[in-house]
Amino acid sequence: AVVSSLCLGSSGINAEYGGGLQVCCAYIKHNDPELQSLACEVVASAVQNNEKIAHFASETYVLGDLLKLVDNSPHDGVRIKSLLAVSCLVRGNEGALDKFNKLEGYNVVVRALQSPLQKLQVK
């Protein structure tokens, strides 16, 4: 709830609250896996079906940070939520998809599919 309120603000995320998304993205780099997971979930919710926020997010560093979590986090929940956020961000977002390709996101997804973690494979 704390991460959500910090990131979404009282009026929810919209184009004017891009700063809230930046705060939320900072939690992705936090060392607490619960905060990381919650931040990934909020990012996924924020960018899904919201073209303006998805565009804003695709112009930040967040996609690279999310891909690093999918690939390297020792916490299964963080890996799952970060892959969800990547999926929501790239879906229907040409700019994010271009960045995904430049960051070799397909290799990250292939490694995720090879993971023994079934929930990660399904996402």
C-alpha atoms as a PDB file:
ATOM      1  CA  ALA A   1       0.000   0.000   0.000  1.00  0.00           C
ATOM      2  CA  VAL A   2       2.859   2.376   0.786  1.00  0.00           C
ATOM      3  CA  VAL A   3       4.584   1.789  -2.549  1.00  0.00           C
ATOM      4  CA  SER A   4       1.285   2.072  -4.358  1.00  0.00           C
ATOM      5  CA  SER A   5       0.371   5.350  -2.709  1.00  0.00           C
ATOM      6  CA  LEU A   6       3.833   6.804  -3.310  1.00  0.00           C
ATOM      7  CA  CYS A   7       3.762   5.782  -6.937  1.00  0.00           C
ATOM      8  CA  LEU A   8       0.163   6.412  -7.791  1.00  0.00           C
ATOM      9  CA  GLY A   9      -0.564   9.444  -5.660  1.00  0.00           C
ATOM     10  CA  SER A  10      -4.068  10.272  -4.535  1.00  0.00           C
ATOM     11  CA  SER A  11      -5.405  10.763  -8.075  1.00  0.00           C
ATOM     12  CA  GLY A  12      -3.831   7.716  -9.714  1.00  0.00           C
ATOM     13  CA  ILE A  13      -1.134   7.641 -12.328  1.00  0.00           C
ATOM     14  CA  ASN A  14      -1.728   9.708 -15.401  1.00  0.00           C
ATOM     15  CA  ALA A  15       0.421  11.818 -17.673  1.00  0.00           C
ATOM     16  CA  GLU A  16       0.720  14.572 -15.076  1.00  0.00           C
ATOM     17  CA  TYR A  17       1.969  12.163 -12.397  1.00  0.00           C
ATOM     18  CA  GLY A  18       4.980  10.797 -14.280  1.00  0.00           C
ATOM     19  CA  GLY A  19       7.033  11.799 -11.257  1.00  0.00           C
ATOM     20  CA  GLY A  20       5.116   9.232  -9.237  1.00  0.00           C
ATOM     21  CA  LEU A  21       6.187   6.596 -11.705  1.00  0.00           C
ATOM     22  CA  GLN A  22       9.800   7.731 -11.309  1.00  0.00           C
ATOM     23  CA  VAL A  23       9.528   7.292  -7.542  1.00  0.00           C
ATOM     24  CA  CYS A  24       8.070   3.859  -8.051  1.00  0.00           C
ATOM     25  CA  CYS A  25      10.817   2.903 -10.471  1.00  0.00           C
ATOM     26  CA  ALA A  26      13.376   3.811  -7.824  1.00  0.00           C
ATOM     27  CA  TYR A  27      11.911   1.052  -5.643  1.00  0.00           C
ATOM     28  CA  ILE A  28      12.765  -1.453  -8.357  1.00  0.00           C
ATOM     29  CA  LYS A  29      16.415  -0.935  -7.395  1.00  0.00           C
ATOM     30  CA  HIS A  30      15.708  -1.247  -3.657  1.00  0.00           C
ATOM     31  CA  ASN A  31      17.392  -4.120  -1.824  1.00  0.00           C
ATOM     32  CA  ASP A  32      14.141  -5.285  -0.185  1.00  0.00           C
ATOM     33  CA  PRO A  33      12.600  -7.944  -2.458  1.00  0.00           C
ATOM     34  CA  GLU A  34       9.083  -7.209  -1.201  1.00  0.00           C
ATOM     35  CA  LEU A  35       9.411  -3.548  -2.203  1.00  0.00           C
ATOM     36  CA  GLN A  36      10.918  -4.556  -5.543  1.00  0.00           C
ATOM     37  CA  SER A  37       8.063  -6.946  -6.234  1.00  0.00           C
ATOM     38  CA  LEU A  38       5.418  -4.391  -5.282  1.00  0.00           C
ATOM     39  CA  ALA A  39       7.074  -1.723  -7.405  1.00  0.00           C
ATOM     40  CA  CYS A  40       7.131  -4.070 -10.393  1.00  0.00           C
ATOM     41  CA  GLU A  41       3.461  -4.829  -9.875  1.00  0.00           C
ATOM     42  CA  VAL A  42       2.589  -1.127  -9.728  1.00  0.00           C
ATOM     43  CA  VAL A  43       4.599  -0.415 -12.884  1.00  0.00           C
ATOM     44  CA  ALA A  44       2.816  -3.277 -14.652  1.00  0.00           C
ATOM     45  CA  SER A  45      -0.573  -1.907 -13.623  1.00  0.00           C
ATOM     46  CA  ALA A  46       0.371   1.663 -14.514  1.00  0.00           C
ATOM     47  CA  VAL A  47       1.601   0.972 -18.039  1.00  0.00           C
ATOM     48  CA  GLN A  48      -1.016  -1.589 -18.976  1.00  0.00           C
ATOM     49  CA  ASN A  49      -3.641   0.013 -21.223  1.00  0.00           C
ATOM     50  CA  ASN A  50      -2.275   3.496 -20.540  1.00  0.00           C
ATOM     51  CA  GLU A  51      -0.457   4.655 -23.639  1.00  0.00           C
ATOM     52  CA  LYS A  52       0.837   7.926 -22.163  1.00  0.00           C
ATOM     53  CA  ILE A  53       2.356   6.310 -19.090  1.00  0.00           C
ATOM     54  CA  ALA A  54       3.740   3.404 -21.138  1.00  0.00           C
ATOM     55  CA  HIS A  55       5.391   5.911 -23.477  1.00  0.00           C
ATOM     56  CA  PHE A  56       6.782   7.862 -20.519  1.00  0.00           C
ATOM     57  CA  ALA A  57       8.110   4.658 -18.922  1.00  0.00           C
ATOM     58  CA  SER A  58       9.707   3.484 -22.161  1.00  0.00           C
ATOM     59  CA  GLU A  59      11.798   6.671 -22.219  1.00  0.00           C
ATOM     60  CA  THR A  60      13.296   5.903 -18.796  1.00  0.00           C
ATOM     61  CA  TYR A  61      15.760   3.331 -17.549  1.00  0.00           C
ATOM     62  CA  VAL A  62      13.020   1.117 -16.094  1.00  0.00           C
ATOM     63  CA  LEU A  63      12.956  -1.498 -18.859  1.00  0.00           C
ATOM     64  CA  GLY A  64      16.658  -2.255 -18.412  1.00  0.00           C
ATOM     65  CA  ASP A  65      16.220  -2.489 -14.652  1.00  0.00           C
ATOM     66  CA  LEU A  66      13.256  -4.820 -15.035  1.00  0.00           C
ATOM     67  CA  LEU A  67      15.159  -7.077 -17.422  1.00  0.00           C
ATOM     68  CA  LYS A  68      18.064  -7.250 -14.955  1.00  0.00           C
ATOM     69  CA  LEU A  69      15.655  -8.369 -12.245  1.00  0.00           C
ATOM     70  CA  VAL A  70      14.134 -11.043 -14.480  1.00  0.00           C
ATOM     71  CA  ASP A  71      17.611 -12.331 -15.234  1.00  0.00           C
ATOM     72  CA  ASN A  72      19.428 -11.897 -11.940  1.00  0.00           C
ATOM     73  CA  SER A  73      17.153 -11.591  -8.929  1.00  0.00           C
ATOM     74  CA  PRO A  74      17.604 -14.414  -6.416  1.00  0.00           C
ATOM     75  CA  HIS A  75      13.944 -13.956  -5.405  1.00  0.00           C
ATOM     76  CA  ASP A  76      11.362 -15.850  -7.439  1.00  0.00           C
ATOM     77  CA  GLY A  77       8.548 -13.387  -6.710  1.00  0.00           C
ATOM     78  CA  VAL A  78      10.648 -10.471  -7.934  1.00  0.00           C
ATOM     79  CA  ARG A  79      11.545 -12.309 -11.118  1.00  0.00           C
ATOM     80  CA  ILE A  80       7.895 -13.127 -11.806  1.00  0.00           C
ATOM     81  CA  LYS A  81       6.612  -9.590 -11.144  1.00  0.00           C
ATOM     82  CA  SER A  82       9.422  -7.976 -13.129  1.00  0.00           C
ATOM     83  CA  LEU A  83       8.650 -10.192 -16.131  1.00  0.00           C
ATOM     84  CA  LEU A  84       4.990  -9.199 -15.800  1.00  0.00           C
ATOM     85  CA  ALA A  85       6.005  -5.527 -15.842  1.00  0.00           C
ATOM     86  CA  VAL A  86       8.213  -6.076 -18.912  1.00  0.00           C
ATOM     87  CA  SER A  87       5.357  -7.788 -20.694  1.00  0.00           C
ATOM     88  CA  CYS A  88       2.890  -5.007 -19.862  1.00  0.00           C
ATOM     89  CA  LEU A  89       5.348  -2.318 -20.904  1.00  0.00           C
ATOM     90  CA  VAL A  90       6.307  -3.828 -24.250  1.00  0.00           C
ATOM     91  CA  ARG A  91       2.847  -4.983 -25.320  1.00  0.00           C
ATOM     92  CA  GLY A  92       1.575  -2.577 -27.973  1.00  0.00           C
ATOM     93  CA  ASN A  93       4.360  -0.070 -27.287  1.00  0.00           C
ATOM     94  CA  GLU A  94       6.635   0.262 -30.301  1.00  0.00           C
ATOM     95  CA  GLY A  95       9.186   2.444 -28.496  1.00  0.00           C
ATOM     96  CA  ALA A  96       9.467   0.016 -25.598  1.00  0.00           C
ATOM     97  CA  LEU A  97       9.718  -2.914 -28.010  1.00  0.00           C
ATOM     98  CA  ASP A  98      12.593  -1.206 -29.846  1.00  0.00           C
ATOM     99  CA  LYS A  99      14.356  -0.649 -26.538  1.00  0.00           C
ATOM    100  CA  PHE A 100      13.614  -4.264 -25.540  1.00  0.00           C
ATOM    101  CA  ASN A 101      15.341  -5.416 -28.725  1.00  0.00           C
ATOM    102  CA  LYS A 102      18.350  -3.146 -28.131  1.00  0.00           C
ATOM    103  CA  LEU A 103      18.676  -4.488 -24.599  1.00  0.00           C
ATOM    104  CA  GLU A 104      18.525  -8.056 -25.960  1.00  0.00           C
ATOM    105  CA  GLY A 105      15.353  -8.704 -24.022  1.00  0.00           C
ATOM    106  CA  TYR A 106      14.601 -11.795 -26.078  1.00  0.00           C
ATOM    107  CA  ASN A 107      17.680 -13.456 -24.596  1.00  0.00           C
ATOM    108  CA  VAL A 108      16.377 -12.659 -21.115  1.00  0.00           C
ATOM    109  CA  VAL A 109      13.004 -14.176 -21.990  1.00  0.00           C
ATOM    110  CA  VAL A 110      14.660 -17.301 -23.402  1.00  0.00           C
ATOM    111  CA  ARG A 111      16.648 -17.723 -20.181  1.00  0.00           C
ATOM    112  CA  ALA A 112      13.441 -17.215 -18.187  1.00  0.00           C
ATOM    113  CA  LEU A 113      11.774 -19.950 -20.227  1.00  0.00           C
ATOM    114  CA  GLN A 114      14.670 -22.255 -19.370  1.00  0.00           C
ATOM    115  CA  SER A 115      14.230 -21.568 -15.664  1.00  0.00           C
ATOM    116  CA  PRO A 116      12.924 -24.389 -13.496  1.00  0.00           C
ATOM    117  CA  LEU A 117      10.468 -21.861 -12.026  1.00  0.00           C
ATOM    118  CA  GLN A 118       7.186 -22.796 -13.710  1.00  0.00           C
ATOM    119  CA  LYS A 119       5.404 -19.498 -12.930  1.00  0.00           C
ATOM    120  CA  LEU A 120       8.206 -17.636 -14.673  1.00  0.00           C
ATOM    121  CA  GLN A 121       7.809 -19.823 -17.750  1.00  0.00           C
ATOM    122  CA  VAL A 122       4.058 -19.207 -17.867  1.00  0.00           C
ATOM    123  CA  LYS A 123       4.350 -15.396 -17.667  1.00  0.00           C
END
